[in-house]
N, C-alpha and C. Protein backbone atom coordinates (compact mmCIF):
# COMPACT_ATOMS: atom_id res chain seq x y z
N MET A 1 -35.18 30.61 -13.74
CA MET A 1 -34.87 30.49 -12.33
C MET A 1 -35.53 31.63 -11.59
N ALA A 2 -36.15 31.35 -10.49
CA ALA A 2 -36.82 32.38 -9.71
C ALA A 2 -35.80 33.28 -9.04
N ARG A 3 -36.19 34.50 -8.80
CA ARG A 3 -35.32 35.43 -8.11
C ARG A 3 -35.25 35.04 -6.65
N MET A 4 -34.05 35.08 -6.12
CA MET A 4 -33.85 34.51 -4.80
C MET A 4 -34.40 35.37 -3.68
N TYR A 5 -34.21 36.68 -3.74
CA TYR A 5 -34.62 37.52 -2.63
C TYR A 5 -35.60 38.60 -3.06
N LYS A 6 -36.39 38.30 -4.04
CA LYS A 6 -37.39 39.27 -4.51
C LYS A 6 -38.76 38.63 -4.39
N SER A 7 -39.80 39.44 -4.46
CA SER A 7 -41.15 38.92 -4.38
C SER A 7 -41.68 38.53 -5.76
N ARG A 8 -40.85 38.63 -6.77
CA ARG A 8 -41.27 38.26 -8.12
C ARG A 8 -41.17 36.75 -8.32
N SER A 9 -41.89 36.26 -9.30
CA SER A 9 -42.03 34.80 -9.48
C SER A 9 -40.87 34.17 -10.22
N GLY A 10 -40.19 34.91 -11.04
CA GLY A 10 -39.11 34.31 -11.80
C GLY A 10 -39.04 34.93 -13.17
N LYS A 11 -38.34 34.28 -14.05
CA LYS A 11 -38.22 34.86 -15.38
C LYS A 11 -39.36 34.38 -16.27
N SER A 12 -39.82 35.26 -17.08
CA SER A 12 -40.86 34.91 -18.01
C SER A 12 -40.60 35.64 -19.31
N GLY A 13 -41.32 35.31 -20.31
CA GLY A 13 -41.14 35.96 -21.60
C GLY A 13 -40.50 35.01 -22.59
N SER A 14 -40.21 35.54 -23.74
CA SER A 14 -39.70 34.69 -24.81
C SER A 14 -38.21 34.45 -24.66
N SER A 15 -37.76 33.37 -25.26
CA SER A 15 -36.34 33.08 -25.29
C SER A 15 -35.83 33.28 -26.71
N LYS A 16 -34.52 33.48 -26.83
CA LYS A 16 -33.94 33.69 -28.15
C LYS A 16 -34.10 32.44 -29.00
N PRO A 17 -34.48 32.60 -30.24
CA PRO A 17 -34.58 31.42 -31.10
C PRO A 17 -33.19 30.87 -31.43
N PHE A 18 -33.13 29.57 -31.70
CA PHE A 18 -31.85 28.95 -32.04
C PHE A 18 -31.46 29.37 -33.44
N VAL A 19 -30.28 29.97 -33.55
CA VAL A 19 -29.76 30.42 -34.84
C VAL A 19 -28.32 29.97 -34.93
N SER A 20 -27.94 29.38 -36.05
CA SER A 20 -26.59 28.87 -36.19
C SER A 20 -25.68 29.74 -37.05
N GLU A 21 -26.26 30.72 -37.75
CA GLU A 21 -25.42 31.62 -38.54
C GLU A 21 -25.99 33.03 -38.48
N ALA A 22 -25.13 34.01 -38.73
CA ALA A 22 -25.53 35.41 -38.65
C ALA A 22 -26.50 35.74 -39.78
N PRO A 23 -27.42 36.68 -39.56
CA PRO A 23 -28.35 37.06 -40.62
C PRO A 23 -27.63 37.66 -41.82
N SER A 24 -28.29 37.62 -42.96
CA SER A 24 -27.66 38.09 -44.20
C SER A 24 -27.42 39.59 -44.20
N TRP A 25 -28.23 40.36 -43.46
CA TRP A 25 -28.09 41.80 -43.44
C TRP A 25 -27.00 42.28 -42.49
N SER A 26 -26.46 41.39 -41.67
CA SER A 26 -25.51 41.82 -40.64
C SER A 26 -24.08 41.89 -41.18
N ASN A 27 -23.24 42.52 -40.40
CA ASN A 27 -21.81 42.62 -40.72
C ASN A 27 -21.17 41.28 -40.36
N THR A 28 -20.64 40.55 -41.35
CA THR A 28 -20.09 39.23 -41.10
C THR A 28 -18.59 39.16 -41.35
N ASP A 29 -17.92 40.29 -41.41
CA ASP A 29 -16.47 40.32 -41.60
C ASP A 29 -15.80 40.01 -40.26
N LYS A 30 -15.31 38.77 -40.13
CA LYS A 30 -14.77 38.30 -38.85
C LYS A 30 -13.59 39.14 -38.37
N ASP A 31 -12.65 39.45 -39.25
CA ASP A 31 -11.46 40.21 -38.85
C ASP A 31 -11.82 41.63 -38.40
N ALA A 32 -12.75 42.27 -39.13
CA ALA A 32 -13.14 43.63 -38.78
C ALA A 32 -13.85 43.67 -37.43
N VAL A 33 -14.73 42.70 -37.19
CA VAL A 33 -15.46 42.65 -35.93
C VAL A 33 -14.51 42.36 -34.78
N THR A 34 -13.57 41.43 -34.99
CA THR A 34 -12.58 41.12 -33.95
C THR A 34 -11.74 42.34 -33.61
N GLU A 35 -11.29 43.06 -34.63
CA GLU A 35 -10.48 44.26 -34.41
C GLU A 35 -11.28 45.33 -33.67
N LEU A 36 -12.56 45.45 -34.03
CA LEU A 36 -13.43 46.43 -33.37
C LEU A 36 -13.64 46.09 -31.90
N ILE A 37 -13.83 44.82 -31.61
CA ILE A 37 -14.01 44.37 -30.22
C ILE A 37 -12.76 44.68 -29.40
N LEU A 38 -11.59 44.37 -29.96
CA LEU A 38 -10.34 44.61 -29.23
C LEU A 38 -10.10 46.10 -29.01
N ASP A 39 -10.45 46.93 -30.01
CA ASP A 39 -10.29 48.38 -29.85
C ASP A 39 -11.22 48.92 -28.76
N LEU A 40 -12.47 48.44 -28.76
CA LEU A 40 -13.42 48.90 -27.74
C LEU A 40 -12.98 48.45 -26.35
N ALA A 41 -12.44 47.24 -26.24
CA ALA A 41 -12.00 46.74 -24.94
C ALA A 41 -10.79 47.53 -24.44
N LYS A 42 -9.89 47.89 -25.34
CA LYS A 42 -8.72 48.67 -24.93
C LYS A 42 -9.10 50.08 -24.51
N SER A 43 -10.24 50.56 -25.01
CA SER A 43 -10.70 51.90 -24.61
C SER A 43 -11.47 51.86 -23.29
N GLY A 44 -11.61 50.68 -22.68
CA GLY A 44 -12.20 50.58 -21.36
C GLY A 44 -13.65 50.14 -21.31
N LYS A 45 -14.20 49.65 -22.39
CA LYS A 45 -15.59 49.20 -22.41
C LYS A 45 -15.69 47.79 -21.85
N THR A 46 -16.81 47.49 -21.18
CA THR A 46 -17.06 46.15 -20.68
C THR A 46 -17.62 45.29 -21.80
N THR A 47 -17.71 43.98 -21.56
CA THR A 47 -18.22 43.10 -22.61
C THR A 47 -19.67 43.41 -22.93
N ALA A 48 -20.47 43.76 -21.94
CA ALA A 48 -21.86 44.11 -22.19
C ALA A 48 -21.96 45.39 -23.03
N GLU A 49 -21.14 46.37 -22.73
CA GLU A 49 -21.14 47.61 -23.51
C GLU A 49 -20.66 47.35 -24.93
N ILE A 50 -19.67 46.49 -25.09
CA ILE A 50 -19.17 46.15 -26.43
C ILE A 50 -20.28 45.49 -27.25
N GLY A 51 -21.00 44.55 -26.64
CA GLY A 51 -22.09 43.88 -27.35
C GLY A 51 -23.18 44.85 -27.77
N THR A 52 -23.50 45.81 -26.91
CA THR A 52 -24.52 46.80 -27.24
C THR A 52 -24.06 47.71 -28.37
N ILE A 53 -22.80 48.14 -28.33
CA ILE A 53 -22.26 48.99 -29.39
C ILE A 53 -22.24 48.24 -30.72
N LEU A 54 -21.83 46.98 -30.69
CA LEU A 54 -21.82 46.20 -31.93
C LEU A 54 -23.23 46.08 -32.50
N ARG A 55 -24.20 45.84 -31.63
CA ARG A 55 -25.58 45.67 -32.09
C ARG A 55 -26.15 46.98 -32.64
N ASP A 56 -25.95 48.08 -31.92
CA ASP A 56 -26.61 49.33 -32.28
C ASP A 56 -25.90 50.12 -33.36
N GLN A 57 -24.58 50.06 -33.42
CA GLN A 57 -23.85 50.93 -34.33
C GLN A 57 -23.17 50.21 -35.49
N HIS A 58 -22.98 48.88 -35.37
CA HIS A 58 -22.19 48.20 -36.39
C HIS A 58 -22.90 47.00 -37.01
N ALA A 59 -24.20 46.85 -36.78
CA ALA A 59 -25.02 45.80 -37.40
C ALA A 59 -24.50 44.40 -37.14
N VAL A 60 -24.12 44.12 -35.88
CA VAL A 60 -23.70 42.79 -35.48
C VAL A 60 -24.63 42.35 -34.34
N PRO A 61 -25.74 41.66 -34.65
CA PRO A 61 -26.69 41.32 -33.59
C PRO A 61 -26.17 40.29 -32.61
N ASN A 62 -25.26 39.43 -33.05
CA ASN A 62 -24.71 38.41 -32.17
C ASN A 62 -23.25 38.19 -32.56
N ALA A 63 -22.34 38.66 -31.71
CA ALA A 63 -20.92 38.59 -32.04
C ALA A 63 -20.44 37.14 -32.10
N ARG A 64 -21.04 36.27 -31.31
CA ARG A 64 -20.60 34.88 -31.29
C ARG A 64 -20.83 34.18 -32.63
N LEU A 65 -21.90 34.55 -33.31
CA LEU A 65 -22.17 33.94 -34.62
C LEU A 65 -21.16 34.41 -35.67
N VAL A 66 -20.60 35.60 -35.49
CA VAL A 66 -19.64 36.13 -36.46
C VAL A 66 -18.23 35.64 -36.17
N ILE A 67 -17.77 35.78 -34.93
CA ILE A 67 -16.37 35.46 -34.63
C ILE A 67 -16.18 34.03 -34.12
N GLY A 68 -17.27 33.34 -33.81
CA GLY A 68 -17.16 31.94 -33.40
C GLY A 68 -16.89 31.73 -31.92
N MET A 69 -16.87 32.80 -31.14
CA MET A 69 -16.67 32.68 -29.69
C MET A 69 -17.31 33.89 -29.03
N ARG A 70 -17.47 33.80 -27.73
CA ARG A 70 -18.05 34.92 -26.99
C ARG A 70 -17.03 36.05 -26.87
N ILE A 71 -17.55 37.24 -26.61
CA ILE A 71 -16.70 38.42 -26.49
C ILE A 71 -15.72 38.25 -25.33
N GLY A 72 -16.19 37.75 -24.21
CA GLY A 72 -15.33 37.54 -23.05
C GLY A 72 -14.20 36.56 -23.33
N LYS A 73 -14.50 35.51 -24.08
CA LYS A 73 -13.47 34.52 -24.43
C LYS A 73 -12.42 35.14 -25.34
N LEU A 74 -12.88 35.96 -26.30
CA LEU A 74 -11.94 36.64 -27.20
C LEU A 74 -11.02 37.57 -26.41
N LEU A 75 -11.59 38.28 -25.45
CA LEU A 75 -10.77 39.20 -24.65
C LEU A 75 -9.79 38.45 -23.77
N SER A 76 -10.22 37.33 -23.18
CA SER A 76 -9.30 36.58 -22.33
C SER A 76 -8.20 35.91 -23.15
N ASP A 77 -8.51 35.51 -24.39
CA ASP A 77 -7.48 34.95 -25.26
C ASP A 77 -6.42 35.98 -25.62
N ASN A 78 -6.82 37.26 -25.69
CA ASN A 78 -5.90 38.34 -26.02
C ASN A 78 -5.36 39.05 -24.77
N ASN A 79 -5.57 38.46 -23.59
CA ASN A 79 -5.08 39.00 -22.32
C ASN A 79 -5.56 40.43 -22.07
N ILE A 80 -6.83 40.68 -22.40
CA ILE A 80 -7.45 41.97 -22.12
C ILE A 80 -8.58 41.70 -21.15
N GLY A 81 -8.68 42.55 -20.16
CA GLY A 81 -9.77 42.37 -19.19
C GLY A 81 -9.23 42.48 -17.80
N GLY A 82 -10.15 42.41 -16.86
CA GLY A 82 -9.79 42.60 -15.47
C GLY A 82 -9.33 41.32 -14.80
N LYS A 83 -8.98 41.47 -13.56
CA LYS A 83 -8.53 40.34 -12.75
C LYS A 83 -9.69 39.44 -12.36
N TYR A 84 -10.88 40.05 -12.23
CA TYR A 84 -12.07 39.32 -11.82
C TYR A 84 -13.09 39.30 -12.96
N PRO A 85 -13.97 38.30 -12.98
CA PRO A 85 -15.03 38.28 -14.00
C PRO A 85 -15.94 39.50 -13.86
N GLU A 86 -16.55 39.88 -14.98
CA GLU A 86 -17.31 41.13 -15.04
C GLU A 86 -18.52 41.13 -14.10
N ASP A 87 -19.24 40.02 -14.02
CA ASP A 87 -20.43 40.01 -13.17
C ASP A 87 -20.06 40.11 -11.70
N MET A 88 -18.95 39.50 -11.33
CA MET A 88 -18.49 39.59 -9.94
C MET A 88 -18.00 41.00 -9.62
N MET A 89 -17.33 41.63 -10.57
CA MET A 89 -16.85 43.00 -10.37
C MET A 89 -18.03 43.96 -10.20
N ASN A 90 -19.11 43.75 -10.96
CA ASN A 90 -20.29 44.60 -10.82
C ASN A 90 -20.90 44.46 -9.43
N LEU A 91 -20.96 43.23 -8.92
CA LEU A 91 -21.48 43.02 -7.57
C LEU A 91 -20.58 43.67 -6.52
N MET A 92 -19.27 43.59 -6.73
CA MET A 92 -18.35 44.21 -5.77
C MET A 92 -18.48 45.73 -5.79
N ARG A 93 -18.68 46.32 -6.97
CA ARG A 93 -18.90 47.77 -7.04
C ARG A 93 -20.19 48.16 -6.33
N GLN A 94 -21.22 47.34 -6.49
CA GLN A 94 -22.48 47.60 -5.81
C GLN A 94 -22.30 47.54 -4.29
N ALA A 95 -21.53 46.56 -3.82
CA ALA A 95 -21.28 46.44 -2.38
C ALA A 95 -20.50 47.65 -1.86
N VAL A 96 -19.53 48.12 -2.62
CA VAL A 96 -18.76 49.30 -2.20
C VAL A 96 -19.68 50.51 -2.11
N ALA A 97 -20.60 50.67 -3.05
CA ALA A 97 -21.52 51.80 -3.03
C ALA A 97 -22.42 51.74 -1.79
N VAL A 98 -22.90 50.55 -1.44
CA VAL A 98 -23.76 50.42 -0.26
C VAL A 98 -22.96 50.66 1.01
N ILE A 99 -21.71 50.18 1.06
CA ILE A 99 -20.86 50.41 2.23
C ILE A 99 -20.60 51.91 2.40
N ASN A 100 -20.35 52.60 1.28
CA ASN A 100 -20.15 54.05 1.36
C ASN A 100 -21.41 54.75 1.88
N HIS A 101 -22.56 54.30 1.42
CA HIS A 101 -23.83 54.89 1.87
C HIS A 101 -24.03 54.68 3.37
N LEU A 102 -23.78 53.46 3.82
CA LEU A 102 -23.96 53.16 5.24
C LEU A 102 -22.94 53.90 6.10
N GLY A 103 -21.75 54.12 5.57
CA GLY A 103 -20.70 54.79 6.33
C GLY A 103 -20.84 56.29 6.37
N SER A 104 -21.63 56.86 5.48
CA SER A 104 -21.74 58.32 5.44
C SER A 104 -22.97 58.81 6.19
N GLY A 105 -23.13 58.34 7.42
CA GLY A 105 -24.20 58.85 8.27
C GLY A 105 -25.53 58.13 8.12
N ASN A 106 -25.56 57.04 7.39
CA ASN A 106 -26.82 56.31 7.20
C ASN A 106 -26.73 54.93 7.83
N HIS A 107 -26.11 54.84 8.99
CA HIS A 107 -25.88 53.55 9.62
C HIS A 107 -27.15 52.88 10.12
N LYS A 108 -28.26 53.61 10.19
CA LYS A 108 -29.53 53.00 10.62
C LYS A 108 -30.40 52.55 9.45
N ASP A 109 -29.90 52.65 8.26
CA ASP A 109 -30.66 52.28 7.07
C ASP A 109 -30.74 50.75 6.98
N LEU A 110 -31.78 50.18 7.54
CA LEU A 110 -31.89 48.72 7.65
C LEU A 110 -32.08 48.06 6.30
N HIS A 111 -32.78 48.72 5.39
CA HIS A 111 -33.00 48.13 4.07
C HIS A 111 -31.68 47.94 3.33
N ASN A 112 -30.81 48.93 3.42
CA ASN A 112 -29.53 48.81 2.74
C ASN A 112 -28.55 47.91 3.49
N LYS A 113 -28.71 47.76 4.81
CA LYS A 113 -27.91 46.76 5.51
C LYS A 113 -28.24 45.38 4.99
N ARG A 114 -29.53 45.12 4.83
CA ARG A 114 -29.97 43.83 4.28
C ARG A 114 -29.50 43.69 2.84
N SER A 115 -29.59 44.76 2.08
CA SER A 115 -29.12 44.73 0.69
C SER A 115 -27.63 44.38 0.62
N LEU A 116 -26.85 44.92 1.54
CA LEU A 116 -25.42 44.61 1.57
C LEU A 116 -25.20 43.14 1.90
N GLU A 117 -25.95 42.61 2.86
CA GLU A 117 -25.82 41.19 3.21
C GLU A 117 -26.15 40.30 2.02
N LEU A 118 -27.21 40.64 1.29
CA LEU A 118 -27.61 39.84 0.12
C LEU A 118 -26.57 39.93 -1.00
N THR A 119 -26.04 41.13 -1.21
CA THR A 119 -25.02 41.31 -2.25
C THR A 119 -23.76 40.54 -1.90
N GLU A 120 -23.36 40.58 -0.63
CA GLU A 120 -22.18 39.83 -0.22
C GLU A 120 -22.41 38.33 -0.34
N ALA A 121 -23.62 37.86 -0.07
CA ALA A 121 -23.93 36.44 -0.24
C ALA A 121 -23.82 36.04 -1.70
N LYS A 122 -24.28 36.93 -2.60
CA LYS A 122 -24.17 36.65 -4.04
C LYS A 122 -22.70 36.59 -4.46
N ILE A 123 -21.89 37.49 -3.91
CA ILE A 123 -20.46 37.49 -4.24
C ILE A 123 -19.81 36.19 -3.79
N ARG A 124 -20.12 35.75 -2.58
CA ARG A 124 -19.53 34.50 -2.08
C ARG A 124 -19.98 33.30 -2.90
N ARG A 125 -21.26 33.28 -3.27
CA ARG A 125 -21.79 32.18 -4.07
C ARG A 125 -21.13 32.15 -5.45
N LEU A 126 -20.97 33.33 -6.05
CA LEU A 126 -20.33 33.43 -7.35
C LEU A 126 -18.85 33.06 -7.25
N ALA A 127 -18.21 33.44 -6.16
CA ALA A 127 -16.80 33.09 -5.95
C ALA A 127 -16.63 31.58 -5.87
N ARG A 128 -17.55 30.91 -5.19
CA ARG A 128 -17.48 29.45 -5.10
C ARG A 128 -17.56 28.82 -6.50
N TYR A 129 -18.43 29.36 -7.34
CA TYR A 129 -18.55 28.87 -8.72
C TYR A 129 -17.26 29.13 -9.50
N TYR A 130 -16.74 30.36 -9.42
CA TYR A 130 -15.55 30.69 -10.19
C TYR A 130 -14.31 29.93 -9.69
N LYS A 131 -14.26 29.59 -8.42
CA LYS A 131 -13.16 28.74 -7.93
C LYS A 131 -13.24 27.36 -8.54
N SER A 132 -14.46 26.82 -8.65
CA SER A 132 -14.60 25.49 -9.24
C SER A 132 -14.30 25.50 -10.73
N GLU A 133 -14.51 26.63 -11.40
CA GLU A 133 -14.20 26.77 -12.82
C GLU A 133 -12.74 27.12 -13.07
N GLY A 134 -12.00 27.47 -12.02
CA GLY A 134 -10.60 27.82 -12.17
C GLY A 134 -10.35 29.27 -12.55
N LYS A 135 -11.36 30.12 -12.48
CA LYS A 135 -11.19 31.53 -12.83
C LYS A 135 -10.75 32.37 -11.64
N LEU A 136 -10.86 31.83 -10.44
CA LEU A 136 -10.36 32.48 -9.24
C LEU A 136 -9.43 31.51 -8.52
N PRO A 137 -8.40 32.01 -7.84
CA PRO A 137 -7.55 31.09 -7.07
C PRO A 137 -8.33 30.45 -5.92
N GLU A 138 -7.93 29.24 -5.56
CA GLU A 138 -8.64 28.49 -4.52
C GLU A 138 -8.59 29.16 -3.16
N ASP A 139 -7.55 29.97 -2.90
CA ASP A 139 -7.42 30.61 -1.60
C ASP A 139 -8.07 32.00 -1.54
N TRP A 140 -8.79 32.40 -2.61
CA TRP A 140 -9.43 33.71 -2.65
C TRP A 140 -10.60 33.74 -1.67
N ARG A 141 -10.68 34.84 -0.89
CA ARG A 141 -11.79 35.01 0.05
C ARG A 141 -12.31 36.43 -0.05
N TYR A 142 -13.61 36.55 0.13
CA TYR A 142 -14.23 37.87 0.15
C TYR A 142 -13.99 38.51 1.51
N LYS A 143 -13.39 39.70 1.51
CA LYS A 143 -13.15 40.44 2.75
C LYS A 143 -13.67 41.86 2.55
N ARG A 144 -14.58 42.27 3.41
CA ARG A 144 -15.21 43.58 3.26
C ARG A 144 -14.19 44.71 3.39
N ASP A 145 -13.20 44.55 4.27
CA ASP A 145 -12.24 45.63 4.47
C ASP A 145 -11.25 45.77 3.31
N GLU A 146 -11.08 44.73 2.50
CA GLU A 146 -10.19 44.80 1.35
C GLU A 146 -10.95 45.02 0.04
N LEU A 147 -12.26 45.23 0.12
CA LEU A 147 -13.08 45.33 -1.07
C LEU A 147 -12.72 46.52 -1.93
N ARG A 148 -12.44 47.66 -1.31
CA ARG A 148 -12.09 48.86 -2.09
C ARG A 148 -10.81 48.65 -2.91
N LEU A 149 -9.89 47.85 -2.40
CA LEU A 149 -8.66 47.58 -3.13
C LEU A 149 -8.91 46.66 -4.33
N MET A 150 -9.89 45.73 -4.17
CA MET A 150 -10.18 44.79 -5.25
C MET A 150 -10.91 45.45 -6.41
N VAL A 151 -11.77 46.43 -6.10
CA VAL A 151 -12.55 47.08 -7.14
C VAL A 151 -11.63 48.03 -7.89
N GLU A 152 -11.62 47.87 -9.17
CA GLU A 152 -10.69 48.65 -10.00
C GLU A 152 -11.24 50.02 -10.32
């Protein structure tokens, strides 16, 4: 998919090959990997950070092949995680940072005003998707003045 507000053409490069089982050299102990994921999540790591730690330090290149589900699904099954999905929370943190920048004497920064508009559009678009998936309540609305309260 092409980038929506960039001058770049889109994604290019190789895609991951289809693999149905974990490699022989990897850690395939399902209970140990599950316990490790839950411990890392309780210590405050995001799903992306957990995946990187598993890959780099514990020889688990793909957690889904070992435990049979994605890291986010495992965390939601164990009632660990935030109120909002991780990608939406990252966008909201980015919006808060830009709002802080514009509010601290940089109100004429037109590039970041546009950046804030684009980020808020992405948040609204993502919210529409998550409402249809049932991960957000139907009456949820993005409000700039309540954004600091939503960001954890």
